[in-house]
C-alpha cells in the first residue's frame, strides 16, 4: 500500500503530494521476457554457505542455473508499455537449488540489471540486484545475422560489471524439451534486509518467497551449453563458478508478480 506521511504519498521514494513521483508503482507487476539459461553445478558446500537460516540445500545439493533475460514489464495500468525506454531492461542472475521445510525453491545470491527501476524493485523484494551490462542473442526469423530457434541455432550471452566481463555463456540448440527447466519453475526465496541508518534499533531481516501468477512458457529449446566465470567479482562470487555444465535452454517466459509471503521472521 502507498505510504502516507503527512501530506506526502507514494509507494516508494520520492514521496510527493499526489504520490505520482514514486520511483516504483505498487504491485502487481507484469513481465514478459526472452531467456537464455544454463543449468550447471557448484560445490554443495558453496551452496550451503550462501543459504540463510530456514533454507537447506535440498535433495539436489549443488544444482544451479545462470539466467540471462531481456524483459518488458508494466504495472497494472499498462502505462509503461507506451515508453519502451521505460519498460525494457536486461538481467543476469544466479539461482541455487534449495528447500524450505521440504518445499523446493531457488535462492538468488547475485543479480544484475541495467536499469534503476528494476534494481530498486529488486531491493524491495529482497533480491540482491546490482548494476551491470547484459547482452544476449535474439532469435531471428529472417536473414543471417541472428540464430534460429531450430537445431544448430547458437545463442550467446554475457554480463559485464564496471567494464569487465564477469560471465559468458552459449547454447547450441538440438531440440525441444518436454518441460521447462526446473529452477525456473519454483518460488524464489529472498532476504528482506534494510540497513539501520540511524543505529537506533536492532537490525531486522525476514526470509520471504515471491508470489506469482499467470506463468507462461513458450516452447523450450535446449541443447549443449558452455558457461564461464571470469575472476573479476571477488572470492565470494568465484565460489559459485561451475564444476560441471549441463544443458542450456532458450525460451520466452511471462509472469505476474504480486508480492511476497513471509517464510521466516526477523533473524540475525
Protein backbone atom coordinates (compact mmCIF):
# COMPACT_ATOMS: atom_id res chain seq x y z
CA UNK A 1 0.00 0.00 0.00
CA UNK A 2 1.22 3.57 -0.70
CA UNK A 3 2.72 5.32 2.31
CA UNK A 4 1.12 8.46 3.71
CA UNK A 5 3.47 10.82 5.58
CA UNK A 6 1.64 13.99 6.46
CA UNK A 7 0.52 15.34 3.11
CA UNK A 8 3.04 13.27 1.14
CA UNK A 9 2.24 9.97 -0.54
CA UNK A 10 3.86 7.23 -2.55
CA UNK A 11 4.57 3.52 -2.79
CA UNK A 12 8.30 4.31 -2.73
CA UNK A 13 10.54 7.35 -2.54
CA UNK A 14 10.32 10.07 -3.67
CA UNK A 15 7.11 10.96 -1.82
CA UNK A 16 5.00 13.79 -3.23
CA UNK A 17 1.58 15.37 -2.67
CA UNK A 18 -0.12 13.17 -5.29
CA UNK A 19 2.11 10.10 -4.87
CA UNK A 20 2.81 10.16 -8.61
CA UNK A 21 6.53 10.81 -8.20
CA UNK A 22 7.31 7.41 -6.67
CA UNK A 23 10.07 5.51 -8.42
CA UNK A 24 8.02 2.31 -8.09
CA UNK A 25 4.39 1.61 -8.76
CA UNK A 26 2.72 -0.81 -6.34
CA UNK A 27 2.40 -4.44 -7.45
CA UNK A 28 1.18 -6.38 -9.31
CA UNK A 29 3.92 -6.11 -11.91
CA UNK A 30 3.67 -7.98 -15.21
CA UNK A 31 6.74 -9.36 -17.03
CA UNK A 32 7.37 -10.86 -20.45
CA UNK A 33 10.90 -11.96 -21.31
CA UNK A 34 13.28 -13.76 -23.62
CA UNK A 35 15.53 -16.11 -21.65
CA UNK A 36 18.88 -17.81 -22.25
CA UNK A 37 19.54 -20.19 -19.35
CA UNK A 38 22.29 -22.67 -18.48
CA UNK A 39 22.00 -25.44 -15.91
CA UNK A 40 25.21 -26.09 -14.02
CA UNK A 41 26.57 -27.43 -10.76
CA UNK A 42 28.62 -25.88 -7.97
CA UNK A 43 30.24 -27.43 -4.95
CA UNK A 44 27.44 -28.33 -2.47
CA UNK A 45 29.29 -26.66 0.40
CA UNK A 46 29.32 -23.43 -1.61
CA UNK A 47 25.52 -23.56 -1.90
CA UNK A 48 25.17 -24.20 1.83
CA UNK A 49 27.39 -21.20 2.59
CA UNK A 50 25.01 -18.88 0.72
CA UNK A 51 21.78 -20.11 2.33
CA UNK A 52 20.32 -18.13 5.27
CA UNK A 53 18.62 -19.81 8.24
CA UNK A 54 15.47 -21.60 7.13
CA UNK A 55 16.79 -22.78 3.78
CA UNK A 56 18.58 -26.08 3.16
CA UNK A 57 20.43 -27.30 0.06
CA UNK A 58 17.67 -29.82 -0.57
CA UNK A 59 17.65 -33.10 -2.44
CA UNK A 60 19.78 -31.90 -5.36
CA UNK A 61 22.56 -30.13 -3.50
CA UNK A 62 24.81 -28.25 -5.88
CA UNK A 63 22.27 -27.67 -8.65
CA UNK A 64 22.46 -24.14 -10.02
CA UNK A 65 21.49 -22.09 -13.04
CA UNK A 66 22.67 -18.96 -14.83
CA UNK A 67 19.81 -16.92 -16.27
CA UNK A 68 20.10 -14.13 -18.84
CA UNK A 69 16.88 -12.34 -19.75
CA UNK A 70 15.58 -9.39 -21.75
CA UNK A 71 12.39 -8.17 -20.11
CA UNK A 72 9.43 -5.99 -20.89
CA UNK A 73 7.32 -5.07 -17.87
CA UNK A 74 4.33 -2.97 -16.90
CA UNK A 75 2.21 -2.13 -13.89
CA UNK A 76 -1.48 -3.00 -13.78
CA UNK A 77 -2.36 0.17 -15.68
CA UNK A 78 -0.09 -0.79 -18.59
CA UNK A 79 1.09 2.80 -18.89
CA UNK A 80 4.75 1.80 -19.22
CA UNK A 81 4.08 -0.05 -22.49
CA UNK A 82 3.90 3.26 -24.35
CA UNK A 83 7.52 4.03 -23.45
CA UNK A 84 9.97 1.25 -24.49
CA UNK A 85 12.85 3.08 -22.79
CA UNK A 86 10.95 2.78 -19.52
CA UNK A 87 9.53 -0.71 -19.76
CA UNK A 88 12.57 -2.68 -21.02
CA UNK A 89 15.56 -3.99 -19.11
CA UNK A 90 18.10 -6.80 -19.19
CA UNK A 91 19.08 -9.04 -16.31
CA UNK A 92 21.52 -11.72 -15.25
CA UNK A 93 21.09 -13.82 -12.13
CA UNK A 94 22.41 -16.95 -10.47
CA UNK A 95 19.96 -19.47 -8.98
CA UNK A 96 20.82 -22.12 -6.39
CA UNK A 97 18.55 -25.08 -5.71
CA UNK A 98 17.29 -25.17 -2.12
CA UNK A 99 14.30 -26.08 0.04
CA UNK A 100 12.19 -24.52 2.75
CA UNK A 101 10.60 -27.14 5.01
CA UNK A 102 10.64 -29.61 2.13
CA UNK A 103 9.28 -27.17 -0.48
CA UNK A 104 11.60 -26.82 -3.50
CA UNK A 105 12.77 -23.25 -4.05
CA UNK A 106 15.61 -21.30 -5.63
CA UNK A 107 17.90 -18.81 -3.94
CA UNK A 108 19.31 -15.89 -5.93
CA UNK A 109 22.57 -14.83 -4.23
CA UNK A 110 23.56 -12.41 -7.02
CA UNK A 111 21.69 -10.48 -9.72
CA UNK A 112 22.49 -7.63 -12.10
CA UNK A 113 20.23 -5.36 -14.13
CA UNK A 114 20.87 -2.45 -16.45
CA UNK A 115 18.10 -0.05 -15.34
CA UNK A 116 17.47 1.72 -11.98
CA UNK A 117 13.77 0.89 -11.53
CA UNK A 118 14.20 -2.92 -11.68
CA UNK A 119 17.24 -2.61 -9.41
CA UNK A 120 15.20 -0.77 -6.76
CA UNK A 121 12.27 -3.14 -7.27
CA UNK A 122 14.65 -5.99 -6.53
CA UNK A 123 15.69 -4.39 -3.23
CA UNK A 124 12.01 -4.10 -2.23
CA UNK A 125 11.65 -7.84 -2.88
CA UNK A 126 14.86 -8.69 -1.05
CA UNK A 127 16.53 -9.59 -4.34
CA UNK A 128 20.21 -8.50 -4.36
CA UNK A 129 20.23 -6.62 -7.66
CA UNK A 130 23.25 -4.61 -8.71
CA UNK A 131 24.02 -2.58 -11.82
CA UNK A 132 25.59 -4.41 -14.76
CA UNK A 133 25.51 -4.64 -18.53
CA UNK A 134 23.81 -7.71 -20.00
CA UNK A 135 23.74 -8.75 -23.65
CA UNK A 136 22.24 -11.81 -25.32
CA UNK A 137 21.38 -13.15 -28.77
CA UNK A 138 17.84 -12.67 -30.02
CA UNK A 139 16.12 -15.27 -32.19
CA UNK A 140 15.85 -14.30 -35.85
CA UNK A 141 13.24 -15.33 -38.41
CA UNK A 142 14.92 -13.80 -41.49
CA UNK A 143 18.47 -13.15 -42.63
CA UNK A 144 21.82 -14.45 -41.44
CA UNK A 145 22.53 -12.00 -38.58
CA UNK A 146 20.80 -13.96 -35.84
CA UNK A 147 20.28 -17.52 -34.61
CA UNK A 148 17.15 -19.53 -35.35
CA UNK A 149 15.03 -21.42 -32.84
CA UNK A 150 15.98 -24.63 -34.60
CA UNK A 151 18.60 -27.36 -34.31
CA UNK A 152 22.03 -25.80 -34.73
CA UNK A 153 20.99 -22.32 -33.60
CA UNK A 154 23.60 -20.88 -31.22
CA UNK A 155 22.64 -18.27 -28.64
CA UNK A 156 25.29 -16.34 -26.71
CA UNK A 157 25.05 -14.13 -23.61
CA UNK A 158 27.40 -12.01 -21.48
CA UNK A 159 27.31 -9.89 -18.33
CA UNK A 160 29.85 -7.16 -17.51
CA UNK A 161 30.39 -5.10 -14.37
CA UNK A 162 32.38 -1.83 -14.37
CA UNK A 163 33.52 -2.54 -17.91
CA UNK A 164 34.88 -6.01 -17.10
CA UNK A 165 33.26 -9.18 -18.42
CA UNK A 166 32.17 -11.33 -15.49
CA UNK A 167 30.32 -14.26 -17.10
CA UNK A 168 29.61 -15.58 -20.56
CA UNK A 169 27.50 -18.42 -21.92
CA UNK A 170 26.42 -20.06 -25.16
CA UNK A 171 23.73 -22.59 -26.03
CA UNK A 172 23.63 -24.61 -29.26
CA UNK A 173 20.13 -25.95 -29.76
CA UNK A 174 19.40 -29.58 -30.51
CA UNK A 175 15.65 -29.88 -29.93
CA UNK A 176 12.54 -29.03 -27.92
CA UNK A 177 12.43 -30.09 -24.27
CA UNK A 178 9.31 -31.78 -22.88
CA UNK A 179 9.16 -29.37 -19.92
CA UNK A 180 10.74 -26.12 -18.70
CA UNK A 181 13.99 -26.18 -16.67
CA UNK A 182 13.34 -26.99 -13.02
CA UNK A 183 14.96 -23.94 -11.42
CA UNK A 184 12.71 -21.66 -13.48
CA UNK A 185 9.57 -23.30 -12.09
CA UNK A 186 9.97 -22.86 -8.32
CA UNK A 187 9.47 -19.86 -5.98
CA UNK A 188 12.44 -17.61 -5.32
CA UNK A 189 13.44 -17.19 -1.67
CA UNK A 190 14.85 -13.76 -0.78
CA UNK A 191 16.04 -11.98 2.34
CA UNK A 192 14.47 -8.63 3.14
CA UNK A 193 17.23 -6.55 4.66
CA UNK A 194 17.23 -2.81 5.32
CA UNK A 195 20.37 -1.36 6.95
CA UNK A 196 19.77 0.68 10.08
CA UNK A 197 20.73 4.19 9.02
CA UNK A 198 20.12 5.72 12.44
CA UNK A 199 21.63 2.97 14.63
CA UNK A 200 18.64 3.19 16.97
CA UNK A 201 17.14 -0.28 16.63
CA UNK A 202 18.24 -3.88 16.11
CA UNK A 203 18.75 -4.94 12.53
CA UNK A 204 15.72 -6.83 11.23
CA UNK A 205 15.55 -9.23 8.30
CA UNK A 206 12.97 -11.69 7.00
CA UNK A 207 13.06 -14.68 4.67
CA UNK A 208 10.35 -14.28 2.03
CA UNK A 209 9.18 -16.05 -1.12
CA UNK A 210 7.88 -14.46 -4.29
CA UNK A 211 4.23 -15.00 -5.20
CA UNK A 212 3.45 -15.11 -8.92
CA UNK A 213 0.54 -15.98 -11.18
CA UNK A 214 -0.22 -16.15 -14.91
CA UNK A 215 3.01 -18.06 -15.59
CA UNK A 216 3.51 -18.88 -19.26
CA UNK A 217 6.31 -20.65 -21.12
CA UNK A 218 6.85 -20.84 -24.85
CA UNK A 219 8.36 -23.97 -26.32
CA UNK A 220 11.68 -24.57 -24.57
CA UNK A 221 14.54 -25.22 -26.95
CA UNK A 222 17.53 -26.94 -25.34
CA UNK A 223 20.99 -28.10 -26.25
CA UNK A 224 24.65 -28.21 -25.36
CA UNK A 225 25.90 -25.28 -23.31
CA UNK A 226 29.11 -23.54 -22.30
CA UNK A 227 29.34 -21.29 -19.27
CA UNK A 228 32.35 -19.46 -17.88
CA UNK A 229 33.22 -17.20 -14.94
CA UNK A 230 35.95 -14.57 -15.01
CA UNK A 231 37.87 -13.71 -11.85
CA UNK A 232 36.72 -10.09 -11.53
CA UNK A 233 33.95 -10.10 -8.88
CA UNK A 234 35.76 -11.35 -5.80
CA UNK A 235 36.21 -14.58 -3.89
CA UNK A 236 32.58 -15.00 -2.76
CA UNK A 237 31.19 -14.87 -6.29
CA UNK A 238 34.01 -17.12 -7.51
CA UNK A 239 32.76 -19.84 -5.13
CA UNK A 240 29.73 -20.21 -7.41
CA UNK A 241 31.80 -21.00 -10.51
CA UNK A 242 30.73 -24.16 -12.35
CA UNK A 243 32.29 -27.50 -11.57
CA UNK A 244 30.06 -29.06 -14.24
CA UNK A 245 27.97 -27.53 -17.03
CA UNK A 246 24.70 -29.12 -18.06
CA UNK A 247 22.14 -28.27 -20.72
CA UNK A 248 21.24 -24.82 -21.96
CA UNK A 249 17.76 -23.52 -22.75
CA UNK A 250 16.19 -20.73 -24.81
CA UNK A 251 12.56 -19.74 -24.30
CA UNK A 252 10.05 -16.97 -23.72
CA UNK A 253 8.53 -16.55 -20.27
CA UNK A 254 5.83 -14.44 -18.62
CA UNK A 255 4.53 -13.96 -15.09
CA UNK A 256 2.71 -11.55 -12.82
CA UNK A 257 4.49 -10.74 -9.55
CA UNK A 258 2.09 -9.91 -6.72
CA UNK A 259 4.41 -9.56 -3.74
CA UNK A 260 5.93 -11.88 -1.17
CA UNK A 261 4.97 -14.23 1.64
CA UNK A 262 6.94 -14.47 4.86
CA UNK A 263 8.72 -17.79 5.34
CA UNK A 264 10.66 -16.86 8.46
CA UNK A 265 10.53 -13.70 10.53
CA UNK A 266 13.21 -11.49 11.98
CA UNK A 267 16.60 -13.22 12.12
CA UNK A 268 20.22 -12.38 12.79
